[in-house]
Amino acid sequence: MTNDYGINLADFKQSDSDTGSADFQIALMTQRIKHLTEHMKDHKKDFASRRGLLRLVARRRKLLDYLKSKSEERYESVLKALDLRK
C-alpha cells in the first residue's frame, strides 16, 4: 500500500494488526507532514495548517527520540527508510 509520497506503511508494522508502534506512527506522521508541506506551498497564508504542521513535526521528533532511546537499530532503519535527517 504505497501512497503518493513513496511510503509503504506496511513495511513499518511489527505485526499485521500493528497501528501503535513508534515505527508505524513515525511513518504515518511523515506521510501527513509531506502532505501538509505540499499544501503549504500553495496556501502560504494558511496559518492554522502551518501550526498543525509544526506540532506534527515536534510530535514526530519526540517519537524519534523515544525510539532512539529504546532501540538504536530500529531508529536508524526508520531514518533510512523514510529518508529523514538526524
PDB file of N, CA and C in Angstrom:
ATOM      1  N   MET A   1       0.842  -1.181   0.000  1.00  0.00           N
ATOM      2  CA  MET A   1       0.000   0.000   0.000  1.00  0.00           C
ATOM      3  C   MET A   1       0.890   1.249   0.000  1.00  0.00           C
ATOM      4  N   THR A   2       1.515   1.532  -1.130  1.00  0.00           N
ATOM      5  CA  THR A   2       2.356   2.716  -1.253  1.00  0.00           C
ATOM      6  C   THR A   2       1.480   3.901  -1.631  1.00  0.00           C
ATOM      7  N   ASN A   3       1.758   5.043  -1.025  1.00  0.00           N
ATOM      8  CA  ASN A   3       0.963   6.222  -1.295  1.00  0.00           C
ATOM      9  C   ASN A   3       1.697   7.145  -2.256  1.00  0.00           C
ATOM     10  N   ASP A   4       1.197   8.353  -2.442  1.00  0.00           N
ATOM     11  CA  ASP A   4       1.783   9.316  -3.369  1.00  0.00           C
ATOM     12  C   ASP A   4       3.177   9.760  -2.941  1.00  0.00           C
ATOM     13  N   TYR A   5       3.530   9.550  -1.684  1.00  0.00           N
ATOM     14  CA  TYR A   5       4.799  10.039  -1.160  1.00  0.00           C
ATOM     15  C   TYR A   5       5.847   8.942  -1.059  1.00  0.00           C
ATOM     16  N   GLY A   6       5.566   7.760  -1.612  1.00  0.00           N
ATOM     17  CA  GLY A   6       6.533   6.682  -1.636  1.00  0.00           C
ATOM     18  C   GLY A   6       6.738   5.993  -0.307  1.00  0.00           C
ATOM     19  N   ILE A   7       5.778   6.111   0.601  1.00  0.00           N
ATOM     20  CA  ILE A   7       5.889   5.479   1.915  1.00  0.00           C
ATOM     21  C   ILE A   7       4.943   4.283   1.956  1.00  0.00           C
ATOM     22  N   ASN A   8       5.503   3.097   2.149  1.00  0.00           N
ATOM     23  CA  ASN A   8       4.700   1.897   2.299  1.00  0.00           C
ATOM     24  C   ASN A   8       4.538   1.632   3.794  1.00  0.00           C
ATOM     25  N   LEU A   9       3.379   1.952   4.329  1.00  0.00           N
ATOM     26  CA  LEU A   9       3.144   1.850   5.767  1.00  0.00           C
ATOM     27  C   LEU A   9       3.254   0.412   6.276  1.00  0.00           C
ATOM     28  N   ALA A  10       2.969  -0.555   5.431  1.00  0.00           N
ATOM     29  CA  ALA A  10       3.039  -1.958   5.855  1.00  0.00           C
ATOM     30  C   ALA A  10       4.466  -2.359   6.229  1.00  0.00           C
ATOM     31  N   ASP A  11       5.465  -1.691   5.677  1.00  0.00           N
ATOM     32  CA  ASP A  11       6.857  -2.005   5.997  1.00  0.00           C
ATOM     33  C   ASP A  11       7.214  -1.658   7.435  1.00  0.00           C
ATOM     34  N   PHE A  12       6.458  -0.795   8.066  1.00  0.00           N
ATOM     35  CA  PHE A  12       6.783  -0.312   9.408  1.00  0.00           C
ATOM     36  C   PHE A  12       6.001  -1.016  10.510  1.00  0.00           C
ATOM     37  N   LYS A  13       5.091  -1.904  10.129  1.00  0.00           N
ATOM     38  CA  LYS A  13       4.305  -2.636  11.118  1.00  0.00           C
ATOM     39  C   LYS A  13       5.131  -3.739  11.746  1.00  0.00           C
ATOM     40  N   GLN A  14       4.998  -3.930  13.053  1.00  0.00           N
ATOM     41  CA  GLN A  14       5.665  -5.010  13.758  1.00  0.00           C
ATOM     42  C   GLN A  14       4.885  -6.317  13.602  1.00  0.00           C
ATOM     43  N   SER A  15       3.560  -6.214  13.442  1.00  0.00           N
ATOM     44  CA  SER A  15       2.701  -7.360  13.191  1.00  0.00           C
ATOM     45  C   SER A  15       1.573  -6.897  12.268  1.00  0.00           C
ATOM     46  N   ASP A  16       0.699  -7.808  11.886  1.00  0.00           N
ATOM     47  CA  ASP A  16      -0.372  -7.458  10.946  1.00  0.00           C
ATOM     48  C   ASP A  16      -1.357  -6.442  11.514  1.00  0.00           C
ATOM     49  N   SER A  17      -1.614  -6.512  12.809  1.00  0.00           N
ATOM     50  CA  SER A  17      -2.605  -5.625  13.412  1.00  0.00           C
ATOM     51  C   SER A  17      -1.964  -4.417  14.096  1.00  0.00           C
ATOM     52  N   ASP A  18      -0.688  -4.178  13.835  1.00  0.00           N
ATOM     53  CA  ASP A  18       0.048  -3.105  14.497  1.00  0.00           C
ATOM     54  C   ASP A  18      -0.359  -1.737  13.955  1.00  0.00           C
ATOM     55  N   THR A  19      -0.774  -0.850  14.856  1.00  0.00           N
ATOM     56  CA  THR A  19      -1.029   0.551  14.487  1.00  0.00           C
ATOM     57  C   THR A  19      -0.440   1.488  15.529  1.00  0.00           C
ATOM     58  N   GLY A  20       0.166   0.945  16.576  1.00  0.00           N
ATOM     59  CA  GLY A  20       0.601   1.787  17.671  1.00  0.00           C
ATOM     60  C   GLY A  20       2.092   1.834  17.906  1.00  0.00           C
ATOM     61  N   SER A  21       2.869   1.035  17.181  1.00  0.00           N
ATOM     62  CA  SER A  21       4.314   1.050  17.423  1.00  0.00           C
ATOM     63  C   SER A  21       4.896   2.389  16.985  1.00  0.00           C
ATOM     64  N   ALA A  22       6.006   2.749  17.580  1.00  0.00           N
ATOM     65  CA  ALA A  22       6.636   4.028  17.271  1.00  0.00           C
ATOM     66  C   ALA A  22       7.029   4.085  15.801  1.00  0.00           C
ATOM     67  N   ASP A  23       7.507   2.990  15.249  1.00  0.00           N
ATOM     68  CA  ASP A  23       7.915   2.954  13.840  1.00  0.00           C
ATOM     69  C   ASP A  23       6.739   3.325  12.932  1.00  0.00           C
ATOM     70  N   PHE A  24       5.609   2.678  13.174  1.00  0.00           N
ATOM     71  CA  PHE A  24       4.425   2.913  12.346  1.00  0.00           C
ATOM     72  C   PHE A  24       3.915   4.344  12.513  1.00  0.00           C
ATOM     73  N   GLN A  25       3.873   4.832  13.751  1.00  0.00           N
ATOM     74  CA  GLN A  25       3.398   6.189  13.989  1.00  0.00           C
ATOM     75  C   GLN A  25       4.289   7.217  13.314  1.00  0.00           C
ATOM     76  N   ILE A  26       5.602   7.009  13.342  1.00  0.00           N
ATOM     77  CA  ILE A  26       6.542   7.928  12.698  1.00  0.00           C
ATOM     78  C   ILE A  26       6.315   7.932  11.188  1.00  0.00           C
ATOM     79  N   ALA A  27       6.104   6.756  10.603  1.00  0.00           N
ATOM     80  CA  ALA A  27       5.850   6.669   9.163  1.00  0.00           C
ATOM     81  C   ALA A  27       4.550   7.376   8.799  1.00  0.00           C
ATOM     82  N   LEU A  28       3.526   7.184   9.620  1.00  0.00           N
ATOM     83  CA  LEU A  28       2.233   7.827   9.370  1.00  0.00           C
ATOM     84  C   LEU A  28       2.350   9.345   9.484  1.00  0.00           C
ATOM     85  N   MET A  29       3.068   9.822  10.489  1.00  0.00           N
ATOM     86  CA  MET A  29       3.266  11.260  10.656  1.00  0.00           C
ATOM     87  C   MET A  29       4.075  11.836   9.497  1.00  0.00           C
ATOM     88  N   THR A  30       5.062  11.105   9.035  1.00  0.00           N
ATOM     89  CA  THR A  30       5.873  11.576   7.913  1.00  0.00           C
ATOM     90  C   THR A  30       5.012  11.735   6.671  1.00  0.00           C
ATOM     91  N   GLN A  31       4.100  10.800   6.457  1.00  0.00           N
ATOM     92  CA  GLN A  31       3.173  10.894   5.331  1.00  0.00           C
ATOM     93  C   GLN A  31       2.322  12.159   5.450  1.00  0.00           C
ATOM     94  N   ARG A  32       1.782  12.422   6.634  1.00  0.00           N
ATOM     95  CA  ARG A  32       0.952  13.608   6.849  1.00  0.00           C
ATOM     96  C   ARG A  32       1.771  14.892   6.721  1.00  0.00           C
ATOM     97  N   ILE A  33       3.020  14.870   7.211  1.00  0.00           N
ATOM     98  CA  ILE A  33       3.894  16.039   7.120  1.00  0.00           C
ATOM     99  C   ILE A  33       4.177  16.376   5.658  1.00  0.00           C
ATOM    100  N   LYS A  34       4.449  15.360   4.852  1.00  0.00           N
ATOM    101  CA  LYS A  34       4.703  15.604   3.429  1.00  0.00           C
ATOM    102  C   LYS A  34       3.472  16.171   2.744  1.00  0.00           C
ATOM    103  N   HIS A  35       2.304  15.662   3.109  1.00  0.00           N
ATOM    104  CA  HIS A  35       1.056  16.187   2.530  1.00  0.00           C
ATOM    105  C   HIS A  35       0.848  17.655   2.921  1.00  0.00           C
ATOM    106  N   LEU A  36       1.031  17.967   4.201  1.00  0.00           N
ATOM    107  CA  LEU A  36       0.849  19.347   4.656  1.00  0.00           C
ATOM    108  C   LEU A  36       1.900  20.285   4.065  1.00  0.00           C
ATOM    109  N   THR A  37       3.111  19.792   3.859  1.00  0.00           N
ATOM    110  CA  THR A  37       4.159  20.608   3.247  1.00  0.00           C
ATOM    111  C   THR A  37       3.769  20.999   1.834  1.00  0.00           C
ATOM    112  N   GLU A  38       3.217  20.044   1.086  1.00  0.00           N
ATOM    113  CA  GLU A  38       2.743  20.359  -0.267  1.00  0.00           C
ATOM    114  C   GLU A  38       1.593  21.360  -0.219  1.00  0.00           C
ATOM    115  N   HIS A  39       0.697  21.201   0.732  1.00  0.00           N
ATOM    116  CA  HIS A  39      -0.425  22.120   0.902  1.00  0.00           C
ATOM    117  C   HIS A  39       0.076  23.537   1.193  1.00  0.00           C
ATOM    118  N   MET A  40       1.098  23.639   2.025  1.00  0.00           N
ATOM    119  CA  MET A  40       1.609  24.955   2.416  1.00  0.00           C
ATOM    120  C   MET A  40       2.301  25.669   1.251  1.00  0.00           C
ATOM    121  N   LYS A  41       2.798  24.925   0.278  1.00  0.00           N
ATOM    122  CA  LYS A  41       3.413  25.557  -0.892  1.00  0.00           C
ATOM    123  C   LYS A  41       2.393  26.352  -1.691  1.00  0.00           C
ATOM    124  N   ASP A  42       1.147  25.855  -1.737  1.00  0.00           N
ATOM    125  CA  ASP A  42       0.086  26.545  -2.476  1.00  0.00           C
ATOM    126  C   ASP A  42      -0.647  27.568  -1.628  1.00  0.00           C
ATOM    127  N   HIS A  43      -0.725  27.345  -0.322  1.00  0.00           N
ATOM    128  CA  HIS A  43      -1.523  28.194   0.570  1.00  0.00           C
ATOM    129  C   HIS A  43      -0.614  28.774   1.652  1.00  0.00           C
ATOM    130  N   LYS A  44       0.172  29.751   1.273  1.00  0.00           N
ATOM    131  CA  LYS A  44       1.188  30.310   2.171  1.00  0.00           C
ATOM    132  C   LYS A  44       0.603  31.003   3.405  1.00  0.00           C
ATOM    133  N   LYS A  45      -0.616  31.483   3.325  1.00  0.00           N
ATOM    134  CA  LYS A  45      -1.195  32.221   4.451  1.00  0.00           C
ATOM    135  C   LYS A  45      -2.112  31.369   5.322  1.00  0.00           C
ATOM    136  N   ASP A  46      -2.095  30.076   5.132  1.00  0.00           N
ATOM    137  CA  ASP A  46      -2.913  29.162   5.935  1.00  0.00           C
ATOM    138  C   ASP A  46      -2.182  28.871   7.244  1.00  0.00           C
ATOM    139  N   PHE A  47      -2.380  29.751   8.198  1.00  0.00           N
ATOM    140  CA  PHE A  47      -1.627  29.672   9.446  1.00  0.00           C
ATOM    141  C   PHE A  47      -2.110  28.548  10.353  1.00  0.00           C
ATOM    142  N   ALA A  48      -3.365  28.163  10.230  1.00  0.00           N
ATOM    143  CA  ALA A  48      -3.869  27.042  11.039  1.00  0.00           C
ATOM    144  C   ALA A  48      -3.188  25.741  10.613  1.00  0.00           C
ATOM    145  N   SER A  49      -3.055  25.543   9.320  1.00  0.00           N
ATOM    146  CA  SER A  49      -2.364  24.341   8.840  1.00  0.00           C
ATOM    147  C   SER A  49      -0.882  24.394   9.172  1.00  0.00           C
ATOM    148  N   ARG A  50      -0.309  25.591   9.151  1.00  0.00           N
ATOM    149  CA  ARG A  50       1.106  25.742   9.499  1.00  0.00           C
ATOM    150  C   ARG A  50       1.337  25.337  10.953  1.00  0.00           C
ATOM    151  N   ARG A  51       0.447  25.749  11.828  1.00  0.00           N
ATOM    152  CA  ARG A  51       0.566  25.393  13.240  1.00  0.00           C
ATOM    153  C   ARG A  51       0.438  23.885  13.422  1.00  0.00           C
ATOM    154  N   GLY A  52      -0.521  23.282  12.717  1.00  0.00           N
ATOM    155  CA  GLY A  52      -0.683  21.839  12.778  1.00  0.00           C
ATOM    156  C   GLY A  52       0.542  21.108  12.267  1.00  0.00           C
ATOM    157  N   LEU A  53       1.146  21.633  11.211  1.00  0.00           N
ATOM    158  CA  LEU A  53       2.357  21.033  10.652  1.00  0.00           C
ATOM    159  C   LEU A  53       3.503  21.088  11.660  1.00  0.00           C
ATOM    160  N   LEU A  54       3.672  22.226  12.299  1.00  0.00           N
ATOM    161  CA  LEU A  54       4.749  22.374  13.279  1.00  0.00           C
ATOM    162  C   LEU A  54       4.541  21.451  14.488  1.00  0.00           C
ATOM    163  N   ARG A  55       3.293  21.304  14.924  1.00  0.00           N
ATOM    164  CA  ARG A  55       3.006  20.405  16.037  1.00  0.00           C
ATOM    165  C   ARG A  55       3.287  18.954  15.655  1.00  0.00           C
ATOM    166  N   LEU A  56       2.956  18.600  14.412  1.00  0.00           N
ATOM    167  CA  LEU A  56       3.180  17.251  13.929  1.00  0.00           C
ATOM    168  C   LEU A  56       4.674  16.941  13.850  1.00  0.00           C
ATOM    169  N   VAL A  57       5.456  17.910  13.386  1.00  0.00           N
ATOM    170  CA  VAL A  57       6.912  17.721  13.306  1.00  0.00           C
ATOM    171  C   VAL A  57       7.498  17.534  14.707  1.00  0.00           C
ATOM    172  N   ALA A  58       7.016  18.318  15.669  1.00  0.00           N
ATOM    173  CA  ALA A  58       7.514  18.195  17.045  1.00  0.00           C
ATOM    174  C   ALA A  58       7.145  16.835  17.637  1.00  0.00           C
ATOM    175  N   ARG A  59       5.929  16.362  17.354  1.00  0.00           N
ATOM    176  CA  ARG A  59       5.499  15.053  17.856  1.00  0.00           C
ATOM    177  C   ARG A  59       6.330  13.926  17.263  1.00  0.00           C
ATOM    178  N   ARG A  60       6.629  14.055  15.962  1.00  0.00           N
ATOM    179  CA  ARG A  60       7.464  13.042  15.311  1.00  0.00           C
ATOM    180  C   ARG A  60       8.869  13.039  15.910  1.00  0.00           C
ATOM    181  N   ARG A  61       9.399  14.240  16.191  1.00  0.00           N
ATOM    182  CA  ARG A  61      10.740  14.345  16.777  1.00  0.00           C
ATOM    183  C   ARG A  61      10.781  13.657  18.144  1.00  0.00           C
ATOM    184  N   LYS A  62       9.732  13.858  18.948  1.00  0.00           N
ATOM    185  CA  LYS A  62       9.668  13.219  20.262  1.00  0.00           C
ATOM    186  C   LYS A  62       9.620  11.697  20.135  1.00  0.00           C
ATOM    187  N   LEU A  63       8.838  11.207  19.166  1.00  0.00           N
ATOM    188  CA  LEU A  63       8.767   9.760  18.960  1.00  0.00           C
ATOM    189  C   LEU A  63      10.100   9.211  18.470  1.00  0.00           C
ATOM    190  N   LEU A  64      10.791   9.954  17.619  1.00  0.00           N
ATOM    191  CA  LEU A  64      12.108   9.523  17.152  1.00  0.00           C
ATOM    192  C   LEU A  64      13.103   9.461  18.312  1.00  0.00           C
ATOM    193  N   ASP A  65      13.043  10.446  19.207  1.00  0.00           N
ATOM    194  CA  ASP A  65      13.918  10.430  20.381  1.00  0.00           C
ATOM    195  C   ASP A  65      13.619   9.223  21.264  1.00  0.00           C
ATOM    196  N   TYR A  66      12.337   8.922  21.436  1.00  0.00           N
ATOM    197  CA  TYR A  66      11.932   7.762  22.233  1.00  0.00           C
ATOM    198  C   TYR A  66      12.460   6.480  21.595  1.00  0.00           C
ATOM    199  N   LEU A  67      12.282   6.359  20.275  1.00  0.00           N
ATOM    200  CA  LEU A  67      12.725   5.162  19.578  1.00  0.00           C
ATOM    201  C   LEU A  67      14.237   4.998  19.675  1.00  0.00           C
ATOM    202  N   LYS A  68      14.967   6.100  19.611  1.00  0.00           N
ATOM    203  CA  LYS A  68      16.419   6.048  19.713  1.00  0.00           C
ATOM    204  C   LYS A  68      16.851   5.541  21.096  1.00  0.00           C
ATOM    205  N   SER A  69      16.123   5.968  22.133  1.00  0.00           N
ATOM    206  CA  SER A  69      16.471   5.532  23.483  1.00  0.00           C
ATOM    207  C   SER A  69      16.146   4.055  23.714  1.00  0.00           C
ATOM    208  N   LYS A  70      15.143   3.537  23.000  1.00  0.00           N
ATOM    209  CA  LYS A  70      14.729   2.146  23.181  1.00  0.00           C
ATOM    210  C   LYS A  70      15.504   1.184  22.285  1.00  0.00           C
ATOM    211  N   SER A  71      15.707   1.568  21.021  1.00  0.00           N
ATOM    212  CA  SER A  71      16.357   0.655  20.079  1.00  0.00           C
ATOM    213  C   SER A  71      17.071   1.455  18.992  1.00  0.00           C
ATOM    214  N   GLU A  72      18.369   1.500  19.086  1.00  0.00           N
ATOM    215  CA  GLU A  72      19.190   2.256  18.122  1.00  0.00           C
ATOM    216  C   GLU A  72      19.051   1.692  16.700  1.00  0.00           C
ATOM    217  N   GLU A  73      18.928   0.363  16.566  1.00  0.00           N
ATOM    218  CA  GLU A  73      18.829  -0.254  15.243  1.00  0.00           C
ATOM    219  C   GLU A  73      17.525   0.146  14.555  1.00  0.00           C
ATOM    220  N   ARG A  74      16.411   0.075  15.290  1.00  0.00           N
ATOM    221  CA  ARG A  74      15.120   0.457  14.701  1.00  0.00           C
ATOM    222  C   ARG A  74      15.116   1.932  14.340  1.00  0.00           C
ATOM    223  N   TYR A  75      15.734   2.760  15.187  1.00  0.00           N
ATOM    224  CA  TYR A  75      15.823   4.199  14.932  1.00  0.00           C
ATOM    225  C   TYR A  75      16.551   4.456  13.613  1.00  0.00           C
ATOM    226  N   GLU A  76      17.701   3.818  13.445  1.00  0.00           N
ATOM    227  CA  GLU A  76      18.492   4.004  12.225  1.00  0.00           C
ATOM    228  C   GLU A  76      17.738   3.499  10.998  1.00  0.00           C
ATOM    229  N   SER A  77      17.048   2.368  11.130  1.00  0.00           N
ATOM    230  CA  SER A  77      16.327   1.813   9.981  1.00  0.00           C
ATOM    231  C   SER A  77      15.156   2.704   9.581  1.00  0.00           C
ATOM    232  N   VAL A  78      14.472   3.307  10.565  1.00  0.00           N
ATOM    233  CA  VAL A  78      13.360   4.212  10.260  1.00  0.00           C
ATOM    234  C   VAL A  78      13.882   5.467   9.567  1.00  0.00           C
ATOM    235  N   LEU A  79      14.981   6.014  10.066  1.00  0.00           N
ATOM    236  CA  LEU A  79      15.572   7.201   9.429  1.00  0.00           C
ATOM    237  C   LEU A  79      15.939   6.913   7.976  1.00  0.00           C
ATOM    238  N   LYS A  80      16.548   5.769   7.755  1.00  0.00           N
ATOM    239  CA  LYS A  80      16.981   5.422   6.396  1.00  0.00           C
ATOM    240  C   LYS A  80      15.781   5.172   5.491  1.00  0.00           C
ATOM    241  N   ALA A  81      14.795   4.431   5.981  1.00  0.00           N
ATOM    242  CA  ALA A  81      13.631   4.080   5.167  1.00  0.00           C
ATOM    243  C   ALA A  81      12.800   5.302   4.781  1.00  0.00           C
ATOM    244  N   LEU A  82      12.702   6.273   5.695  1.00  0.00           N
ATOM    245  CA  LEU A  82      11.901   7.468   5.434  1.00  0.00           C
ATOM    246  C   LEU A  82      12.718   8.621   4.868  1.00  0.00           C
ATOM    247  N   ASP A  83      14.026   8.410   4.747  1.00  0.00           N
ATOM    248  CA  ASP A  83      14.932   9.425   4.213  1.00  0.00           C
ATOM    249  C   ASP A  83      14.858  10.711   5.045  1.00  0.00           C
ATOM    250  N   LEU A  84      15.014  10.535   6.379  1.00  0.00           N
ATOM    251  CA  LEU A  84      14.977  11.663   7.307  1.00  0.00           C
ATOM    252  C   LEU A  84      16.387  12.001   7.768  1.00  0.00           C
ATOM    253  N   ARG A  85      16.603  13.263   8.090  1.00  0.00           N
ATOM    254  CA  ARG A  85      17.876  13.669   8.675  1.00  0.00           C
ATOM    255  C   ARG A  85      17.815  13.468  10.174  1.00  0.00           C
ATOM    256  N   LYS A  86      18.975  13.411  10.822  1.00  0.00           N
ATOM    257  CA  LYS A  86      19.017  13.207  12.262  1.00  0.00           C
ATOM    258  C   LYS A  86      18.653  14.449  13.012  1.00  0.00           C
TER     259      LYS A  86
END
